[in-house]
Amino acid sequence: MAKMATNNECFLCRQSNKKQRSSIMCTGCSQRFCQPHHKEHRESINKDFNCLIEEHDILRQRLFNETDDKNSTKSGLLKRIETWEKDMIKNIQATAATAKTRVIQMINEEKDQLKKTFTSAANELKTNQTGNDYVETDVQEWRQQLNDCQQKFEKHLLSNNNFIDIAITPLDFENSISINRHNEIKIPTRFNRTPPRLIRNEPNIECKACDRSFPKSSGYVEFCSEDCSDNYTINHSNHDSSDDNDDRGSGCFHGDSVVLLANGFLKLVKDIRRGDALKAPGGLESTVTHVVKIKCATGKALMVTLDSGLVITPWHPIRIDGNWKFPHDIRHEKEIECQEMYNFVLDKCHIAIINGFECVTLGHNFKGEVIEHPYYGTAKVVDDLCAMDVLKTGFIELQSHSTIRDSKTRFVTGIHIINDKFHPSTLLSC
């Protein structure tokens, strides 16, 4: 019978059935080794230790290397925040530019009235000066008129801050970005779809039926009383049969409204030309292929003016919170001075962002209530415009009459044709 290994035998010798008395005990693994095997055991430990040092050095280099950080997850997270930062700056700049345009427009309206008064007095002075037909009392009266005009002008310069109310809603930047461990960074990617009311010229809401103003706190939304609501419903119950309603799905923009370009800048509607790149919803871009300028025969037009400064025809669909609506259903239209209005054809998307609102353009081919139209919403209108653009400039200037309407539905179905050719003075109706 083989003898059992004694406690003082070498660990490795015992495994190979060799008998060798151990002389050294390893304090790490608590095994005994003979002199040769202890040396091998120690060399193995040294090799493992050297490998550990190499791994340590590699990890240390990566951990403290700034270059490696640029390719790390940190770089991706910071890039998301930087993208948000740039988008916010662009949105703020666009909103500020729209607000500035509206303020300038309101100031100029007041100044234009003073100019008319001054011009009238100046013409009277010039007429009497030529005919030498005046006496002392006339001179005194004209001097008084001149002084009155000067005082009003100086008052206008000093009182702009009094007759224009600018309300700026503070943005909650502190809570715009939420960062938590084990969760995604939550970043709002755009403003609220409903443009904030930055500027208001009236403190109250205007009744759609009687044009009187009433406070928001009254609880009413569109009408100042139940009677106004009932009267408006009765008066407009048969509106669907009128020609005004035949142009639903069509319409145009005032030339002083502003369009958001793909580069984040703004441009007046009247300055848009073929080739301009426009910003579209969802971060997309579209290119203008045609600009249509429609002159208003009387120099006036029924338009809806929204709080953001958008001036648009009442039946031109705009999209709010994902739903297409008529401006007429948001605010009552009014007749304003308007020499011409504009519309566009885009190569794709078919939605332009004007004064913060998503506005449909010609030939969109969208389906659904409000937005759908048998002519303005199809390729027919684009084909007609291309045929009229004989110079291939992409800019078509038209007069405001002579559209073809369906005898039953009264919808616009085409452009008036004379001598089998498109007449250059016929297209859309203001």
Protein backbone atom coordinates (compact mmCIF):
# COMPACT_ATOMS: atom_id res chain seq x y z
CA MET A 1 0.00 0.00 0.00
CA ALA A 2 1.31 3.45 -0.95
CA LYS A 3 2.22 5.73 1.86
CA MET A 4 0.18 8.88 2.43
CA ALA A 5 1.96 12.17 1.68
CA THR A 6 3.31 13.83 4.70
CA ASN A 7 2.68 17.48 5.46
CA ASN A 8 6.30 18.42 4.72
CA GLU A 9 6.28 17.13 1.12
CA CYS A 10 6.51 19.53 -1.86
CA PHE A 11 3.08 20.36 -3.27
CA LEU A 12 4.14 20.01 -6.92
CA CYS A 13 6.31 16.96 -6.32
CA ARG A 14 3.44 15.19 -4.63
CA GLN A 15 1.17 15.83 -7.69
CA SER A 16 3.77 14.20 -9.95
CA ASN A 17 4.27 11.25 -7.56
CA LYS A 18 7.73 12.43 -6.74
CA LYS A 19 8.99 12.53 -3.26
CA GLN A 20 10.83 15.66 -2.38
CA ARG A 21 10.96 17.20 1.03
CA SER A 22 9.60 20.75 1.07
CA SER A 23 11.58 23.47 2.67
CA ILE A 24 9.64 26.66 1.88
CA MET A 25 6.02 27.54 2.54
CA CYS A 26 4.20 30.17 0.43
CA THR A 27 2.29 32.55 2.68
CA GLY A 28 -0.06 33.42 -0.19
CA CYS A 29 -1.45 30.00 -1.13
CA SER A 30 -0.24 28.24 2.09
CA GLN A 31 1.40 25.45 0.05
CA ARG A 32 4.86 23.95 0.67
CA PHE A 33 7.44 23.81 -2.14
CA CYS A 34 10.85 22.42 -2.63
CA GLN A 35 13.58 24.84 -3.60
CA PRO A 36 13.28 24.41 -7.42
CA HIS A 37 9.46 24.48 -7.42
CA HIS A 38 9.34 27.46 -5.10
CA LYS A 39 11.46 29.36 -7.61
CA GLU A 40 9.03 28.44 -10.43
CA HIS A 41 6.07 29.38 -8.27
CA ARG A 42 7.61 32.77 -7.54
CA GLU A 43 8.34 33.41 -11.21
CA SER A 44 4.69 32.66 -12.03
CA ILE A 45 3.56 35.17 -9.41
CA ASN A 46 5.94 37.80 -10.80
CA LYS A 47 4.58 37.20 -14.32
CA ASP A 48 0.99 37.70 -13.15
CA PHE A 49 2.03 40.85 -11.31
CA ASN A 50 3.72 42.27 -14.42
CA CYS A 51 0.58 41.59 -16.47
CA LEU A 52 -1.43 43.42 -13.82
CA ILE A 53 0.91 46.42 -14.08
CA GLU A 54 0.46 46.49 -17.88
CA GLU A 55 -3.34 46.40 -17.58
CA HIS A 56 -3.12 49.13 -14.95
CA ASP A 57 -1.04 51.35 -17.24
CA ILE A 58 -3.44 50.86 -20.16
CA LEU A 59 -6.47 51.73 -18.04
CA ARG A 60 -4.68 54.72 -16.51
CA GLN A 61 -3.81 56.03 -19.96
CA ARG A 62 -7.42 55.78 -21.14
CA LEU A 63 -8.82 57.20 -17.92
CA PHE A 64 -6.63 60.31 -17.92
CA ASN A 65 -6.41 60.82 -21.69
CA GLU A 66 -8.47 63.85 -22.84
CA THR A 67 -8.35 62.69 -26.46
CA ASP A 68 -10.18 59.52 -25.55
CA ASP A 69 -12.92 61.63 -23.91
CA LYS A 70 -13.77 63.15 -27.28
CA ASN A 71 -14.80 59.75 -28.57
CA SER A 72 -16.56 58.69 -25.38
CA THR A 73 -20.20 58.70 -24.39
CA LYS A 74 -19.62 62.07 -22.74
CA SER A 75 -19.02 63.62 -26.15
CA GLY A 76 -22.34 62.30 -27.47
CA LEU A 77 -24.27 63.62 -24.49
CA LEU A 78 -22.65 67.05 -24.72
CA LYS A 79 -23.41 67.15 -28.44
CA ARG A 80 -27.13 66.72 -27.71
CA ILE A 81 -27.01 69.67 -25.32
CA GLU A 82 -25.06 71.77 -27.82
CA THR A 83 -27.62 70.97 -30.54
CA TRP A 84 -30.42 72.03 -28.20
CA GLU A 85 -28.50 75.23 -27.41
CA LYS A 86 -28.16 76.14 -31.10
CA ASP A 87 -31.83 75.36 -31.81
CA MET A 88 -32.99 77.49 -28.88
CA ILE A 89 -30.84 80.42 -30.02
CA LYS A 90 -32.28 80.19 -33.54
CA ASN A 91 -35.86 80.02 -32.22
CA ILE A 92 -35.29 82.98 -29.91
CA GLN A 93 -33.73 85.01 -32.71
CA ALA A 94 -36.61 84.18 -35.06
CA THR A 95 -39.23 85.09 -32.44
CA ALA A 96 -37.41 88.33 -31.59
CA ALA A 97 -37.17 89.29 -35.26
CA THR A 98 -40.91 88.73 -35.69
CA ALA A 99 -41.64 90.85 -32.63
CA LYS A 100 -39.38 93.66 -33.86
CA THR A 101 -41.11 93.65 -37.24
CA ARG A 102 -44.51 93.94 -35.56
CA VAL A 103 -43.36 96.81 -33.30
CA ILE A 104 -41.94 98.73 -36.26
CA GLN A 105 -45.16 98.19 -38.18
CA MET A 106 -47.27 99.56 -35.32
CA ILE A 107 -45.01 102.61 -34.87
CA ASN A 108 -45.07 103.32 -38.59
CA GLU A 109 -48.88 103.21 -38.66
CA GLU A 110 -49.01 106.07 -36.15
CA LYS A 111 -46.33 108.01 -38.00
CA ASP A 112 -48.06 107.53 -41.37
CA GLN A 113 -51.17 109.21 -39.97
CA LEU A 114 -49.07 112.22 -38.94
CA LYS A 115 -47.53 112.31 -42.41
CA LYS A 116 -50.98 112.49 -44.01
CA THR A 117 -51.97 115.42 -41.78
CA PHE A 118 -48.71 117.24 -42.53
CA THR A 119 -48.98 116.61 -46.28
CA SER A 120 -52.50 118.01 -46.34
CA ALA A 121 -51.37 121.20 -44.58
CA ALA A 122 -48.29 121.48 -46.81
CA ASN A 123 -50.38 121.21 -49.96
CA GLU A 124 -52.66 123.97 -48.72
CA LEU A 125 -49.66 126.24 -48.00
CA LYS A 126 -48.17 125.56 -51.42
CA THR A 127 -51.43 126.32 -53.20
CA ASN A 128 -51.95 129.64 -51.42
CA GLN A 129 -48.27 130.57 -51.83
CA THR A 130 -48.51 130.16 -55.59
CA GLY A 131 -51.63 132.28 -55.87
CA ASN A 132 -50.47 134.84 -53.27
CA ASP A 133 -53.93 134.43 -51.79
CA TYR A 134 -53.57 134.78 -47.99
CA VAL A 135 -53.90 137.30 -45.17
CA GLU A 136 -52.64 137.57 -41.58
CA THR A 137 -55.32 135.34 -40.14
CA ASP A 138 -54.48 132.64 -42.69
CA VAL A 139 -50.81 132.76 -41.72
CA GLN A 140 -51.74 132.50 -38.03
CA GLU A 141 -54.03 129.54 -38.69
CA TRP A 142 -51.40 127.71 -40.75
CA ARG A 143 -48.77 128.38 -38.10
CA GLN A 144 -51.10 126.88 -35.51
CA GLN A 145 -51.59 123.79 -37.71
CA LEU A 146 -47.83 123.44 -38.10
CA ASN A 147 -47.30 123.76 -34.34
CA ASP A 148 -50.00 121.15 -33.69
CA CYS A 149 -48.36 118.76 -36.14
CA GLN A 150 -44.95 119.32 -34.55
CA GLN A 151 -46.32 118.73 -31.04
CA LYS A 152 -48.04 115.53 -32.13
CA PHE A 153 -44.83 114.31 -33.75
CA GLU A 154 -42.76 115.03 -30.63
CA LYS A 155 -45.42 113.37 -28.50
CA HIS A 156 -45.32 110.38 -30.85
CA LEU A 157 -41.55 110.09 -30.36
CA LEU A 158 -41.92 110.15 -26.59
CA SER A 159 -45.05 108.04 -26.21
CA ASN A 160 -44.27 104.89 -28.19
CA ASN A 161 -43.67 103.07 -24.92
CA ASN A 162 -47.14 104.07 -23.73
CA PHE A 163 -49.38 102.99 -26.60
CA ILE A 164 -47.61 99.69 -27.34
CA ASP A 165 -47.76 96.94 -24.75
CA ILE A 166 -45.09 94.26 -25.02
CA ALA A 167 -45.64 91.19 -22.86
CA ILE A 168 -42.69 88.79 -22.79
CA THR A 169 -43.27 85.37 -21.27
CA PRO A 170 -40.17 84.23 -19.32
CA LEU A 171 -38.75 80.90 -20.49
CA ASP A 172 -38.07 78.30 -17.81
CA PHE A 173 -34.49 77.56 -18.85
CA GLU A 174 -33.71 76.11 -15.41
CA ASN A 175 -36.01 73.16 -16.05
CA SER A 176 -35.50 72.93 -19.82
CA ILE A 177 -32.98 70.09 -19.44
CA SER A 178 -33.38 67.26 -16.94
CA ILE A 179 -30.35 65.02 -16.32
CA ASN A 180 -30.64 61.88 -14.16
CA ARG A 181 -28.54 58.77 -13.68
CA HIS A 182 -29.68 55.69 -15.60
CA ASN A 183 -32.12 57.83 -17.58
CA GLU A 184 -31.96 59.62 -20.88
CA ILE A 185 -31.33 63.34 -21.01
CA LYS A 186 -34.73 64.91 -21.55
CA ILE A 187 -34.46 67.92 -23.81
CA PRO A 188 -37.45 69.77 -25.27
CA THR A 189 -36.57 70.05 -28.99
CA ARG A 190 -38.79 73.03 -29.96
CA PHE A 191 -41.10 75.71 -28.73
CA ASN A 192 -44.72 75.12 -28.02
CA ARG A 193 -46.48 74.75 -31.39
CA THR A 194 -48.81 77.55 -30.42
CA PRO A 195 -46.75 80.74 -30.81
CA PRO A 196 -46.56 82.73 -27.54
CA ARG A 197 -48.35 86.03 -27.47
CA LEU A 198 -45.36 88.35 -27.29
CA ILE A 199 -47.06 91.56 -28.33
CA ARG A 200 -50.60 92.64 -27.78
CA ASN A 201 -52.11 95.94 -28.79
CA GLU A 202 -55.36 95.35 -26.93
CA PRO A 203 -55.86 94.02 -23.41
CA ASN A 204 -59.15 92.30 -24.21
CA ILE A 205 -60.61 89.76 -26.64
CA GLU A 206 -62.54 91.01 -29.67
CA CYS A 207 -66.06 89.67 -30.16
CA LYS A 208 -66.46 87.98 -33.56
CA ALA A 209 -70.07 89.17 -33.89
CA CYS A 210 -70.07 92.84 -32.80
CA ASP A 211 -66.33 93.70 -32.70
CA ARG A 212 -66.64 94.87 -29.10
CA SER A 213 -63.85 93.93 -26.70
CA PHE A 214 -64.38 91.92 -23.52
CA PRO A 215 -61.99 90.74 -20.77
CA LYS A 216 -60.58 87.23 -20.76
CA SER A 217 -61.78 86.81 -17.19
CA SER A 218 -65.39 86.94 -18.39
CA GLY A 219 -65.25 83.26 -19.30
CA TYR A 220 -66.27 83.83 -22.93
CA VAL A 221 -63.95 82.74 -25.73
CA GLU A 222 -65.17 84.20 -29.05
CA PHE A 223 -68.30 86.23 -28.24
CA CYS A 224 -69.04 88.83 -25.57
CA SER A 225 -72.51 87.43 -24.82
CA GLU A 226 -74.88 84.55 -25.56
CA ASP A 227 -76.91 86.86 -27.85
CA CYS A 228 -73.85 87.61 -30.00
CA SER A 229 -73.10 83.90 -30.21
CA ASP A 230 -76.68 83.10 -31.33
CA ASN A 231 -76.79 85.96 -33.86
CA TYR A 232 -73.45 84.97 -35.37
CA THR A 233 -74.61 81.35 -35.75
CA ILE A 234 -77.84 82.43 -37.48
CA ASN A 235 -76.11 84.88 -39.83
CA HIS A 236 -73.48 82.34 -40.87
CA SER A 237 -75.65 79.22 -41.03
CA ASN A 238 -76.02 79.56 -44.81
CA HIS A 239 -72.46 80.75 -45.39
CA ASP A 240 -71.43 77.51 -47.08
CA SER A 241 -73.36 78.50 -50.19
CA SER A 242 -71.60 81.84 -50.67
CA ASP A 243 -68.63 82.52 -52.90
CA ASP A 244 -66.59 83.59 -49.88
CA ASN A 245 -66.65 80.01 -48.72
CA ASP A 246 -65.81 78.66 -52.16
CA ASP A 247 -62.17 79.58 -51.65
CA ARG A 248 -61.68 77.45 -48.56
CA GLY A 249 -58.33 75.76 -48.89
CA SER A 250 -56.91 78.73 -50.80
CA GLY A 251 -55.56 82.10 -49.79
CA CYS A 252 -52.50 84.27 -49.55
CA PHE A 253 -50.13 86.10 -47.22
CA HIS A 254 -49.52 89.81 -46.75
CA GLY A 255 -46.14 90.87 -48.14
CA ASP A 256 -44.94 92.22 -44.77
CA SER A 257 -45.30 88.88 -42.99
CA VAL A 258 -42.01 87.04 -42.38
CA VAL A 259 -40.93 83.56 -43.51
CA LEU A 260 -38.50 81.32 -41.58
CA LEU A 261 -35.61 80.30 -43.84
CA ALA A 262 -33.70 77.02 -43.62
CA ASN A 263 -30.67 78.82 -42.17
CA GLY A 264 -32.73 80.15 -39.26
CA PHE A 265 -32.98 83.71 -40.58
CA LEU A 266 -36.20 85.54 -41.50
CA LYS A 267 -37.24 87.11 -44.80
CA LEU A 268 -40.26 89.20 -45.77
CA VAL A 269 -42.87 87.33 -47.80
CA LYS A 270 -42.64 89.93 -50.58
CA ASP A 271 -38.87 89.32 -50.87
CA ILE A 272 -39.08 85.54 -51.33
CA ARG A 273 -37.91 84.30 -54.75
CA ARG A 274 -37.35 81.02 -56.60
CA GLY A 275 -34.53 78.99 -55.06
CA ASP A 276 -34.97 80.26 -51.51
CA ALA A 277 -34.67 77.40 -48.98
CA LEU A 278 -37.43 77.49 -46.35
CA LYS A 279 -37.62 75.78 -42.98
CA ALA A 280 -40.32 73.10 -42.84
CA PRO A 281 -41.88 71.33 -39.83
CA GLY A 282 -39.88 68.50 -38.31
CA GLY A 283 -36.53 70.08 -39.13
CA LEU A 284 -37.01 69.51 -42.88
CA GLU A 285 -36.28 71.96 -45.69
CA SER A 286 -38.05 72.86 -48.93
CA THR A 287 -37.17 75.03 -51.92
CA VAL A 288 -39.39 77.68 -53.53
CA THR A 289 -40.16 76.88 -57.18
CA HIS A 290 -42.74 79.61 -57.87
CA VAL A 291 -43.77 82.88 -56.24
CA VAL A 292 -47.22 84.24 -57.08
CA LYS A 293 -47.90 87.95 -56.54
CA ILE A 294 -51.59 88.85 -56.71
CA LYS A 295 -52.54 92.52 -56.92
CA CYS A 296 -55.63 93.70 -55.04
CA ALA A 297 -57.91 95.66 -57.37
CA THR A 298 -59.13 98.16 -54.76
CA GLY A 299 -55.92 98.38 -52.76
CA LYS A 300 -57.74 96.74 -49.87
CA ALA A 301 -58.46 93.16 -48.78
CA LEU A 302 -60.25 91.23 -46.05
CA MET A 303 -57.45 89.82 -43.91
CA VAL A 304 -56.99 88.20 -40.50
CA THR A 305 -54.20 89.61 -38.32
CA LEU A 306 -52.94 87.16 -35.68
CA ASP A 307 -50.99 88.04 -32.54
CA SER A 308 -47.63 86.90 -33.94
CA GLY A 309 -47.92 89.45 -36.76
CA LEU A 310 -49.14 87.01 -39.43
CA VAL A 311 -51.53 88.75 -41.85
CA ILE A 312 -53.37 86.16 -43.94
CA THR A 313 -56.59 85.71 -45.92
CA PRO A 314 -59.42 84.24 -43.80
CA TRP A 315 -59.71 80.91 -45.63
CA HIS A 316 -56.02 80.01 -45.94
CA PRO A 317 -55.48 76.85 -43.82
CA ILE A 318 -52.92 77.04 -41.01
CA ARG A 319 -51.89 74.15 -38.75
CA ILE A 320 -52.13 74.55 -34.97
CA ASP A 321 -51.30 71.66 -32.60
CA GLY A 322 -51.46 69.22 -35.52
CA ASN A 323 -54.91 70.35 -36.71
CA TRP A 324 -55.70 72.42 -39.81
CA LYS A 325 -57.80 75.51 -39.09
CA PHE A 326 -59.10 78.54 -40.96
CA PRO A 327 -57.84 81.92 -39.67
CA HIS A 328 -61.48 83.03 -39.93
CA ASP A 329 -62.35 80.61 -37.12
CA ILE A 330 -59.64 82.07 -34.87
CA ARG A 331 -60.19 85.80 -35.36
CA HIS A 332 -62.67 87.92 -37.29
CA GLU A 333 -61.28 89.30 -40.55
CA LYS A 334 -61.11 93.05 -41.26
CA GLU A 335 -60.62 95.10 -44.40
CA ILE A 336 -57.11 96.57 -44.42
CA GLU A 337 -54.86 98.44 -46.82
CA CYS A 338 -53.27 95.83 -49.07
CA GLN A 339 -51.81 96.46 -52.52
CA GLU A 340 -50.80 92.87 -53.17
CA MET A 341 -50.53 89.46 -51.51
CA TYR A 342 -48.42 86.39 -52.14
CA ASN A 343 -48.39 82.60 -52.26
CA PHE A 344 -45.73 80.00 -53.03
CA VAL A 345 -45.19 76.63 -54.66
CA LEU A 346 -42.61 74.43 -52.89
CA ASP A 347 -40.75 71.39 -54.20
CA LYS A 348 -41.71 69.29 -51.15
CA CYS A 349 -43.31 69.46 -47.68
CA HIS A 350 -45.64 72.23 -48.98
CA ILE A 351 -45.74 73.99 -45.61
CA ALA A 352 -44.04 77.33 -44.91
CA ILE A 353 -43.49 78.68 -41.39
CA ILE A 354 -44.68 82.30 -41.48
CA ASN A 355 -44.64 84.42 -38.32
CA GLY A 356 -44.45 81.19 -36.32
CA PHE A 357 -47.48 79.54 -37.98
CA GLU A 358 -47.41 76.49 -40.26
CA CYS A 359 -49.10 77.70 -43.48
CA VAL A 360 -49.95 75.45 -46.42
CA THR A 361 -48.77 76.40 -49.92
CA LEU A 362 -50.20 75.78 -53.40
CA GLY A 363 -50.39 72.29 -54.92
CA HIS A 364 -49.97 70.50 -51.58
CA ASN A 365 -52.18 67.47 -52.35
CA PHE A 366 -53.16 67.10 -48.67
CA LYS A 367 -56.41 65.33 -47.81
CA GLY A 368 -58.86 65.94 -45.02
CA GLU A 369 -61.32 68.46 -43.68
CA VAL A 370 -60.31 72.13 -43.99
CA ILE A 371 -57.07 71.46 -45.88
CA GLU A 372 -58.39 69.65 -48.97
CA HIS A 373 -59.23 71.70 -52.09
CA PRO A 374 -60.12 70.42 -55.61
CA TYR A 375 -57.91 73.00 -57.36
CA TYR A 376 -55.51 74.90 -55.07
CA GLY A 377 -54.62 71.64 -53.33
CA THR A 378 -53.75 69.71 -56.50
CA ALA A 379 -51.17 69.66 -59.28
CA LYS A 380 -53.65 71.50 -61.54
CA VAL A 381 -52.78 74.91 -60.12
CA VAL A 382 -49.05 74.12 -60.41
CA ASP A 383 -49.47 73.10 -64.06
CA ASP A 384 -51.35 76.34 -64.79
CA LEU A 385 -48.66 78.43 -63.09
CA CYS A 386 -45.91 76.67 -65.05
CA ALA A 387 -47.79 77.40 -68.29
CA MET A 388 -48.07 81.08 -67.37
CA ASP A 389 -44.39 81.35 -66.42
CA VAL A 390 -43.29 81.84 -70.03
CA LEU A 391 -40.01 83.50 -69.02
CA LYS A 392 -39.20 80.66 -66.59
CA THR A 393 -38.32 83.09 -63.78
CA GLY A 394 -40.52 81.43 -61.19
CA PHE A 395 -42.15 84.81 -60.41
CA ILE A 396 -45.70 85.38 -61.66
CA GLU A 397 -47.50 88.71 -61.19
CA LEU A 398 -51.27 88.62 -61.58
CA GLN A 399 -54.42 90.69 -61.27
CA SER A 400 -57.28 89.82 -58.94
CA HIS A 401 -60.09 88.41 -61.07
CA SER A 402 -61.29 85.79 -63.58
CA THR A 403 -61.15 82.39 -61.93
CA ILE A 404 -63.27 79.51 -63.21
CA ARG A 405 -65.87 78.17 -60.76
CA ASP A 406 -67.98 75.05 -60.78
CA SER A 407 -71.59 76.05 -61.47
CA LYS A 408 -72.93 73.74 -58.74
CA THR A 409 -70.36 73.72 -55.95
CA ARG A 410 -68.97 77.22 -56.70
CA PHE A 411 -65.47 75.92 -55.98
CA VAL A 412 -62.61 77.35 -58.03
CA THR A 413 -61.62 74.77 -60.65
CA GLY A 414 -59.19 76.62 -62.89
CA ILE A 415 -57.87 79.79 -64.47
CA HIS A 416 -59.83 81.91 -66.94
CA ILE A 417 -58.68 81.21 -70.50
CA ILE A 418 -58.82 83.70 -73.37
CA ASN A 419 -58.13 82.64 -76.97
CA ASP A 420 -56.96 79.21 -75.81
CA LYS A 421 -54.13 80.83 -73.85
CA PHE A 422 -53.69 81.78 -70.25
CA HIS A 423 -54.28 85.48 -69.87
CA PRO A 424 -51.52 87.06 -67.75
CA SER A 425 -54.02 89.05 -65.73
CA THR A 426 -56.04 86.13 -64.43
CA LEU A 427 -55.52 83.71 -61.58
CA LEU A 428 -56.32 83.67 -57.91
CA SER A 429 -58.97 85.74 -56.27
CA CYS A 430 -57.97 87.95 -53.33
